[in-house]
Amino acid sequence: MPTDIELIHNLSRRVIQLEGQVAFLYKHLGIEFVPESAPADDPRIIELIKKGKKLDAIKLHREIYSSGPQDAIAAINEMQGRLGL
């Protein structure tokens, strides 16, 4: 029976392979992946994330949504992952 580390390693390797296959298909088909933003995504926050100003994005999120630090960090991390930034 494989250990947890072996399972994680196997899954990581499989994800990398699948990402490569998807990238190949996009290139072969001549299409580009454009992540969808959620209606609540503020374009100013997205722009800060794109510029690598994560701390500023967190501060702006807190100002706009009156969120606490942990909620703002979680929201920015979720946004980064979902939008591939």
C-alpha atoms as a PDB file:
ATOM      1  CA  MET A   1       0.000   0.000   0.000  1.00  0.00           C
ATOM      2  CA  PRO A   2       1.449   3.378  -1.011  1.00  0.00           C
ATOM      3  CA  THR A   3       2.263   5.927   1.665  1.00  0.00           C
ATOM      4  CA  ASP A   4       0.647   9.346   1.772  1.00  0.00           C
ATOM      5  CA  ILE A   5       3.817  10.915   0.399  1.00  0.00           C
ATOM      6  CA  GLU A   6       3.858   8.482  -2.522  1.00  0.00           C
ATOM      7  CA  LEU A   7       0.200   9.213  -3.261  1.00  0.00           C
ATOM      8  CA  ILE A   8       0.822  12.962  -3.205  1.00  0.00           C
ATOM      9  CA  HIS A   9       3.878  12.564  -5.437  1.00  0.00           C
ATOM     10  CA  ASN A  10       1.885  10.452  -7.919  1.00  0.00           C
ATOM     11  CA  LEU A  11      -0.989  12.942  -7.951  1.00  0.00           C
ATOM     12  CA  SER A  12       1.411  15.858  -8.427  1.00  0.00           C
ATOM     13  CA  ARG A  13       3.075  14.102 -11.348  1.00  0.00           C
ATOM     14  CA  ARG A  14      -0.322  13.352 -12.890  1.00  0.00           C
ATOM     15  CA  VAL A  15      -1.455  16.977 -12.523  1.00  0.00           C
ATOM     16  CA  ILE A  16       1.734  18.158 -14.253  1.00  0.00           C
ATOM     17  CA  GLN A  17       1.109  15.705 -17.102  1.00  0.00           C
ATOM     18  CA  LEU A  18      -2.499  16.845 -17.463  1.00  0.00           C
ATOM     19  CA  GLU A  19      -1.485  20.506 -17.459  1.00  0.00           C
ATOM     20  CA  GLY A  20       0.961  19.749 -20.259  1.00  0.00           C
ATOM     21  CA  GLN A  21      -1.722  17.959 -22.260  1.00  0.00           C
ATOM     22  CA  VAL A  22      -4.163  20.827 -21.828  1.00  0.00           C
ATOM     23  CA  ALA A  23      -1.499  23.361 -22.862  1.00  0.00           C
ATOM     24  CA  PHE A  24      -0.758  21.241 -25.953  1.00  0.00           C
ATOM     25  CA  LEU A  25      -4.447  21.129 -26.876  1.00  0.00           C
ATOM     26  CA  TYR A  26      -4.860  24.895 -26.456  1.00  0.00           C
ATOM     27  CA  LYS A  27      -1.825  25.499 -28.666  1.00  0.00           C
ATOM     28  CA  HIS A  28      -2.896  22.893 -31.243  1.00  0.00           C
ATOM     29  CA  LEU A  29      -6.408  24.325 -31.444  1.00  0.00           C
ATOM     30  CA  GLY A  30      -5.159  27.913 -31.498  1.00  0.00           C
ATOM     31  CA  ILE A  31      -7.191  28.985 -28.500  1.00  0.00           C
ATOM     32  CA  GLU A  32      -6.309  30.801 -25.317  1.00  0.00           C
ATOM     33  CA  PHE A  33      -7.659  30.157 -21.843  1.00  0.00           C
ATOM     34  CA  VAL A  34      -9.237  33.281 -20.368  1.00  0.00           C
ATOM     35  CA  PRO A  35     -10.262  32.808 -16.735  1.00  0.00           C
ATOM     36  CA  GLU A  36     -13.648  34.167 -15.795  1.00  0.00           C
ATOM     37  CA  SER A  37     -13.873  36.740 -13.068  1.00  0.00           C
ATOM     38  CA  ALA A  38     -16.692  36.619 -10.565  1.00  0.00           C
ATOM     39  CA  PRO A  39     -19.168  39.505 -10.464  1.00  0.00           C
ATOM     40  CA  ALA A  40     -17.791  40.531  -7.062  1.00  0.00           C
ATOM     41  CA  ASP A  41     -14.183  40.752  -8.317  1.00  0.00           C
ATOM     42  CA  ASP A  42     -13.167  44.384  -8.186  1.00  0.00           C
ATOM     43  CA  PRO A  43     -11.038  45.259 -11.230  1.00  0.00           C
ATOM     44  CA  ARG A  44      -8.789  47.446  -9.057  1.00  0.00           C
ATOM     45  CA  ILE A  45      -7.964  44.438  -6.883  1.00  0.00           C
ATOM     46  CA  ILE A  46      -7.304  42.265  -9.935  1.00  0.00           C
ATOM     47  CA  GLU A  47      -4.953  44.899 -11.341  1.00  0.00           C
ATOM     48  CA  LEU A  48      -2.999  45.075  -8.081  1.00  0.00           C
ATOM     49  CA  ILE A  49      -2.638  41.297  -8.036  1.00  0.00           C
ATOM     50  CA  LYS A  50      -1.429  41.322 -11.652  1.00  0.00           C
ATOM     51  CA  LYS A  51       1.197  43.929 -10.730  1.00  0.00           C
ATOM     52  CA  GLY A  52       2.418  41.734  -7.862  1.00  0.00           C
ATOM     53  CA  LYS A  53       1.104  44.118  -5.207  1.00  0.00           C
ATOM     54  CA  LYS A  54      -0.642  41.508  -3.096  1.00  0.00           C
ATOM     55  CA  LEU A  55      -0.401  43.493   0.138  1.00  0.00           C
ATOM     56  CA  ASP A  56      -2.029  46.501  -1.535  1.00  0.00           C
ATOM     57  CA  ALA A  57      -4.735  44.201  -2.930  1.00  0.00           C
ATOM     58  CA  ILE A  58      -5.418  42.893   0.579  1.00  0.00           C
ATOM     59  CA  LYS A  59      -5.601  46.443   1.967  1.00  0.00           C
ATOM     60  CA  LEU A  60      -7.979  47.513  -0.794  1.00  0.00           C
ATOM     61  CA  HIS A  61     -10.152  44.437  -0.241  1.00  0.00           C
ATOM     62  CA  ARG A  62     -10.387  45.305   3.447  1.00  0.00           C
ATOM     63  CA  GLU A  63     -11.404  48.882   2.611  1.00  0.00           C
ATOM     64  CA  ILE A  64     -14.006  47.927   0.017  1.00  0.00           C
ATOM     65  CA  TYR A  65     -15.608  45.002   1.835  1.00  0.00           C
ATOM     66  CA  SER A  66     -14.852  45.938   5.475  1.00  0.00           C
ATOM     67  CA  SER A  67     -13.279  42.514   5.878  1.00  0.00           C
ATOM     68  CA  GLY A  68     -10.846  41.343   8.501  1.00  0.00           C
ATOM     69  CA  PRO A  69      -7.240  40.532   7.635  1.00  0.00           C
ATOM     70  CA  GLN A  70      -7.723  36.763   7.415  1.00  0.00           C
ATOM     71  CA  ASP A  71     -10.842  37.056   5.269  1.00  0.00           C
ATOM     72  CA  ALA A  72      -9.110  39.494   2.923  1.00  0.00           C
ATOM     73  CA  ILE A  73      -6.048  37.254   2.579  1.00  0.00           C
ATOM     74  CA  ALA A  74      -8.256  34.233   1.874  1.00  0.00           C
ATOM     75  CA  ALA A  75     -10.253  36.196  -0.710  1.00  0.00           C
ATOM     76  CA  ILE A  76      -7.124  37.418  -2.505  1.00  0.00           C
ATOM     77  CA  ASN A  77      -5.590  33.930  -2.501  1.00  0.00           C
ATOM     78  CA  GLU A  78      -8.827  32.479  -3.885  1.00  0.00           C
ATOM     79  CA  MET A  79      -8.957  35.155  -6.562  1.00  0.00           C
ATOM     80  CA  GLN A  80      -5.326  34.508  -7.544  1.00  0.00           C
ATOM     81  CA  GLY A  81      -5.960  30.795  -7.868  1.00  0.00           C
ATOM     82  CA  ARG A  82      -9.230  31.098  -9.727  1.00  0.00           C
ATOM     83  CA  LEU A  83      -7.909  33.666 -12.186  1.00  0.00           C
ATOM     84  CA  GLY A  84      -4.498  32.069 -12.532  1.00  0.00           C
ATOM     85  CA  LEU A  85      -2.661  35.212 -11.469  1.00  0.00           C
END
